[in-house]
C-alpha atoms as a PDB file:
ATOM      1  CA  UNK A   1      -8.030   3.615  52.930  1.00  0.00           C
ATOM      2  CA  UNK A   2      -4.621   4.227  51.384  1.00  0.00           C
ATOM      3  CA  UNK A   3      -4.115   0.475  50.941  1.00  0.00           C
ATOM      4  CA  UNK A   4      -7.437   0.075  49.064  1.00  0.00           C
ATOM      5  CA  UNK A   5      -6.553   2.977  46.771  1.00  0.00           C
ATOM      6  CA  UNK A   6      -3.215   1.448  45.794  1.00  0.00           C
ATOM      7  CA  UNK A   7      -4.874  -1.962  45.186  1.00  0.00           C
ATOM      8  CA  UNK A   8      -7.458  -0.284  42.972  1.00  0.00           C
ATOM      9  CA  UNK A   9      -4.711   1.535  41.030  1.00  0.00           C
ATOM     10  CA  UNK A  10      -2.782  -1.713  40.603  1.00  0.00           C
ATOM     11  CA  UNK A  11      -5.882  -3.554  39.346  1.00  0.00           C
ATOM     12  CA  UNK A  12      -6.673  -0.746  36.883  1.00  0.00           C
ATOM     13  CA  UNK A  13      -3.081  -0.762  35.657  1.00  0.00           C
ATOM     14  CA  UNK A  14      -3.174  -4.571  35.157  1.00  0.00           C
ATOM     15  CA  UNK A  15      -6.464  -4.368  33.253  1.00  0.00           C
ATOM     16  CA  UNK A  16      -5.020  -1.606  31.075  1.00  0.00           C
ATOM     17  CA  UNK A  17      -1.892  -3.702  30.356  1.00  0.00           C
ATOM     18  CA  UNK A  18      -3.962  -6.772  29.466  1.00  0.00           C
ATOM     19  CA  UNK A  19      -6.129  -4.652  27.166  1.00  0.00           C
ATOM     20  CA  UNK A  20      -3.030  -3.236  25.433  1.00  0.00           C
ATOM     21  CA  UNK A  21      -1.538  -6.700  24.967  1.00  0.00           C
ATOM     22  CA  UNK A  22      -4.826  -7.958  23.535  1.00  0.00           C
ATOM     23  CA  UNK A  23      -5.058  -5.062  21.070  1.00  0.00           C
ATOM     24  CA  UNK A  24      -1.417  -5.327  20.013  1.00  0.00           C
ATOM     25  CA  UNK A  25      -1.498  -9.081  19.517  1.00  0.00           C
ATOM     26  CA  UNK A  26      -4.860  -9.001  17.749  1.00  0.00           C
ATOM     27  CA  UNK A  27      -3.981  -6.267  15.316  1.00  0.00           C
ATOM     28  CA  UNK A  28      -0.210  -6.455  15.233  1.00  0.00           C
ATOM     29  CA  UNK A  29      -0.108  -8.784  12.260  1.00  0.00           C
ATOM     30  CA  UNK A  30      -2.109  -6.233  10.241  1.00  0.00           C
ATOM     31  CA  UNK A  31       0.040  -3.304  11.313  1.00  0.00           C
ATOM     32  CA  UNK A  32       3.418  -4.824  10.552  1.00  0.00           C
ATOM     33  CA  UNK A  33       5.326  -3.318   7.705  1.00  0.00           C
ATOM     34  CA  UNK A  34       5.530  -5.556   4.672  1.00  0.00           C
ATOM     35  CA  UNK A  35       8.838  -6.106   2.988  1.00  0.00           C
ATOM     36  CA  UNK A  36       7.838  -4.608  -0.397  1.00  0.00           C
ATOM     37  CA  UNK A  37       8.764  -1.657  -2.570  1.00  0.00           C
ATOM     38  CA  UNK A  38       6.799   0.133  -5.316  1.00  0.00           C
ATOM     39  CA  UNK A  39       8.717   2.470  -7.642  1.00  0.00           C
ATOM     40  CA  UNK A  40       7.607   4.618 -10.584  1.00  0.00           C
ATOM     41  CA  UNK A  41       9.727   5.731 -13.535  1.00  0.00           C
ATOM     42  CA  UNK A  42       9.275   7.569 -16.826  1.00  0.00           C
ATOM     43  CA  UNK A  43      11.579   5.051 -18.549  1.00  0.00           C
ATOM     44  CA  UNK A  44      11.243   1.268 -18.784  1.00  0.00           C
ATOM     45  CA  UNK A  45      12.644  -0.159 -15.557  1.00  0.00           C
ATOM     46  CA  UNK A  46      15.964  -1.954 -15.930  1.00  0.00           C
ATOM     47  CA  UNK A  47      19.015  -2.425 -13.714  1.00  0.00           C
ATOM     48  CA  UNK A  48      20.316   0.892 -15.060  1.00  0.00           C
ATOM     49  CA  UNK A  49      17.111   2.949 -14.618  1.00  0.00           C
ATOM     50  CA  UNK A  50      15.743   1.560 -11.342  1.00  0.00           C
ATOM     51  CA  UNK A  51      17.645   4.182  -9.343  1.00  0.00           C
ATOM     52  CA  UNK A  52      15.921   7.031 -11.223  1.00  0.00           C
ATOM     53  CA  UNK A  53      12.501   6.608  -9.647  1.00  0.00           C
ATOM     54  CA  UNK A  54      10.115   9.555  -9.741  1.00  0.00           C
ATOM     55  CA  UNK A  55       6.676  10.674  -8.592  1.00  0.00           C
ATOM     56  CA  UNK A  56       5.817  13.461 -11.058  1.00  0.00           C
ATOM     57  CA  UNK A  57       4.754  12.600 -14.606  1.00  0.00           C
ATOM     58  CA  UNK A  58       3.117  14.327 -17.569  1.00  0.00           C
ATOM     59  CA  UNK A  59      -0.423  13.540 -18.708  1.00  0.00           C
ATOM     60  CA  UNK A  60      -0.418  10.964 -21.506  1.00  0.00           C
ATOM     61  CA  UNK A  61       3.097   9.771 -20.631  1.00  0.00           C
ATOM     62  CA  UNK A  62       3.821   6.092 -19.968  1.00  0.00           C
ATOM     63  CA  UNK A  63       4.467   5.561 -16.280  1.00  0.00           C
ATOM     64  CA  UNK A  64       6.466   2.407 -15.644  1.00  0.00           C
ATOM     65  CA  UNK A  65       6.306   0.740 -12.260  1.00  0.00           C
ATOM     66  CA  UNK A  66       7.900  -2.154 -10.450  1.00  0.00           C
ATOM     67  CA  UNK A  67       6.706  -4.004  -7.379  1.00  0.00           C
ATOM     68  CA  UNK A  68       9.565  -5.701  -5.549  1.00  0.00           C
ATOM     69  CA  UNK A  69       8.152  -8.111  -2.975  1.00  0.00           C
ATOM     70  CA  UNK A  70      10.873  -9.747  -0.885  1.00  0.00           C
ATOM     71  CA  UNK A  71       8.241 -11.900   0.839  1.00  0.00           C
ATOM     72  CA  UNK A  72       7.367 -13.477  -2.525  1.00  0.00           C
ATOM     73  CA  UNK A  73       3.903 -13.904  -3.946  1.00  0.00           C
ATOM     74  CA  UNK A  74       1.399 -16.334  -2.423  1.00  0.00           C
ATOM     75  CA  UNK A  75      -0.985 -16.350  -5.367  1.00  0.00           C
ATOM     76  CA  UNK A  76      -0.674 -16.421  -9.164  1.00  0.00           C
ATOM     77  CA  UNK A  77      -2.596 -13.144  -9.471  1.00  0.00           C
ATOM     78  CA  UNK A  78      -2.349  -9.616  -8.134  1.00  0.00           C
ATOM     79  CA  UNK A  79      -4.773  -6.714  -8.391  1.00  0.00           C
ATOM     80  CA  UNK A  80      -3.316  -3.329  -9.307  1.00  0.00           C
ATOM     81  CA  UNK A  81      -5.554  -0.386  -8.460  1.00  0.00           C
ATOM     82  CA  UNK A  82      -5.088   3.326  -9.090  1.00  0.00           C
ATOM     83  CA  UNK A  83      -7.107   5.738  -6.965  1.00  0.00           C
ATOM     84  CA  UNK A  84      -7.537   9.444  -7.758  1.00  0.00           C
ATOM     85  CA  UNK A  85      -8.049  12.239  -5.252  1.00  0.00           C
ATOM     86  CA  UNK A  86     -11.192  14.096  -6.338  1.00  0.00           C
ATOM     87  CA  UNK A  87     -12.648  17.386  -5.210  1.00  0.00           C
ATOM     88  CA  UNK A  88     -16.283  16.260  -5.511  1.00  0.00           C
ATOM     89  CA  UNK A  89     -17.149  12.633  -4.801  1.00  0.00           C
ATOM     90  CA  UNK A  90     -19.197  10.589  -2.365  1.00  0.00           C
ATOM     91  CA  UNK A  91     -16.207   8.571  -1.124  1.00  0.00           C
ATOM     92  CA  UNK A  92     -14.279  11.056   1.055  1.00  0.00           C
ATOM     93  CA  UNK A  93     -12.615  12.659  -1.950  1.00  0.00           C
ATOM     94  CA  UNK A  94     -11.263   9.503  -3.595  1.00  0.00           C
ATOM     95  CA  UNK A  95     -12.472   7.433  -6.528  1.00  0.00           C
ATOM     96  CA  UNK A  96     -11.139   4.251  -8.053  1.00  0.00           C
ATOM     97  CA  UNK A  97      -9.687   5.410 -11.351  1.00  0.00           C
ATOM     98  CA  UNK A  98      -8.471   2.096 -12.770  1.00  0.00           C
ATOM     99  CA  UNK A  99      -8.142  -1.547 -11.705  1.00  0.00           C
ATOM    100  CA  UNK A 100      -6.544  -4.485 -13.456  1.00  0.00           C
ATOM    101  CA  UNK A 101      -5.750  -8.064 -12.451  1.00  0.00           C
ATOM    102  CA  UNK A 102      -2.472  -9.578 -13.602  1.00  0.00           C
ATOM    103  CA  UNK A 103      -1.240 -13.131 -13.681  1.00  0.00           C
ATOM    104  CA  UNK A 104       2.293 -13.160 -12.303  1.00  0.00           C
ATOM    105  CA  UNK A 105       5.281 -15.474 -12.203  1.00  0.00           C
ATOM    106  CA  UNK A 106       5.470 -16.555  -8.551  1.00  0.00           C
ATOM    107  CA  UNK A 107       9.057 -17.732  -9.002  1.00  0.00           C
ATOM    108  CA  UNK A 108      10.086 -14.057  -9.265  1.00  0.00           C
ATOM    109  CA  UNK A 109      10.035 -11.588  -6.385  1.00  0.00           C
ATOM    110  CA  UNK A 110       9.038  -8.670  -8.623  1.00  0.00           C
ATOM    111  CA  UNK A 111       6.391  -7.570 -11.111  1.00  0.00           C
ATOM    112  CA  UNK A 112       6.667  -4.692 -13.566  1.00  0.00           C
ATOM    113  CA  UNK A 113       4.350  -3.036 -16.051  1.00  0.00           C
ATOM    114  CA  UNK A 114       3.196   0.459 -17.066  1.00  0.00           C
ATOM    115  CA  UNK A 115       0.071   2.601 -17.332  1.00  0.00           C
ATOM    116  CA  UNK A 116      -0.968   5.860 -19.010  1.00  0.00           C
ATOM    117  CA  UNK A 117      -3.155   8.515 -17.371  1.00  0.00           C
ATOM    118  CA  UNK A 118      -4.507  11.485 -19.321  1.00  0.00           C
ATOM    119  CA  UNK A 119      -6.107  13.386 -16.413  1.00  0.00           C
ATOM    120  CA  UNK A 120      -3.871  15.607 -14.264  1.00  0.00           C
ATOM    121  CA  UNK A 121      -4.137  15.129 -10.510  1.00  0.00           C
ATOM    122  CA  UNK A 122      -2.923  13.350  -7.410  1.00  0.00           C
ATOM    123  CA  UNK A 123      -3.113   9.537  -7.471  1.00  0.00           C
ATOM    124  CA  UNK A 124      -1.991   6.554  -5.505  1.00  0.00           C
ATOM    125  CA  UNK A 125      -1.449   2.977  -6.598  1.00  0.00           C
ATOM    126  CA  UNK A 126      -2.121   0.032  -4.360  1.00  0.00           C
ATOM    127  CA  UNK A 127      -1.388  -3.592  -5.150  1.00  0.00           C
ATOM    128  CA  UNK A 128      -3.266  -6.477  -3.565  1.00  0.00           C
ATOM    129  CA  UNK A 129      -2.636 -10.181  -3.320  1.00  0.00           C
ATOM    130  CA  UNK A 130      -5.689 -12.203  -4.356  1.00  0.00           C
ATOM    131  CA  UNK A 131      -5.845 -13.786  -0.903  1.00  0.00           C
ATOM    132  CA  UNK A 132      -6.419 -10.399   0.807  1.00  0.00           C
ATOM    133  CA  UNK A 133      -8.231  -7.483  -0.873  1.00  0.00           C
ATOM    134  CA  UNK A 134      -8.543  -5.621   2.450  1.00  0.00           C
ATOM    135  CA  UNK A 135      -4.837  -4.903   2.999  1.00  0.00           C
ATOM    136  CA  UNK A 136      -2.562  -3.970   0.095  1.00  0.00           C
ATOM    137  CA  UNK A 137       0.898  -5.442  -0.297  1.00  0.00           C
ATOM    138  CA  UNK A 138       2.122  -1.907  -0.966  1.00  0.00           C
ATOM    139  CA  UNK A 139       0.833   1.582  -1.703  1.00  0.00           C
ATOM    140  CA  UNK A 140       2.604   4.608  -3.174  1.00  0.00           C
ATOM    141  CA  UNK A 141       1.470   7.958  -4.552  1.00  0.00           C
ATOM    142  CA  UNK A 142       2.325  10.070  -7.588  1.00  0.00           C
ATOM    143  CA  UNK A 143       1.221  13.173  -9.491  1.00  0.00           C
ATOM    144  CA  UNK A 144       0.155  13.603 -13.114  1.00  0.00           C
ATOM    145  CA  UNK A 145       0.721  17.127 -14.408  1.00  0.00           C
ATOM    146  CA  UNK A 146      -0.506  18.902 -17.505  1.00  0.00           C
END
């Protein structure tokens, strides 16, 4: 009886290991960390100001951002999306506040621009490659105060 119990335990352990390997290999490419960086600044981003990144900005102020993508860009376009945390909404407290598509220079490993938000609150920006709108290249959050 003891021998059958240990065989059963070994079989269960093997099945568990195979299941874990299957899950990790199937989803591992989606879970890997991308080699990208998204920074916000209240000043235009240059070599001198890039180290002064921030996450708190005033309403109506220009918020400059830079996406540095060491993997490079696969497509000529990216989609920049800003999402706002809302108290009352049908989508788990979040609503898409703003979206814009940009044509980019694929010979560069960065993209920079700016936006202005007049409504105070908590936001996050996510940037997508046009070949995959399900998984952003990068995501980062920020606050707009009064």
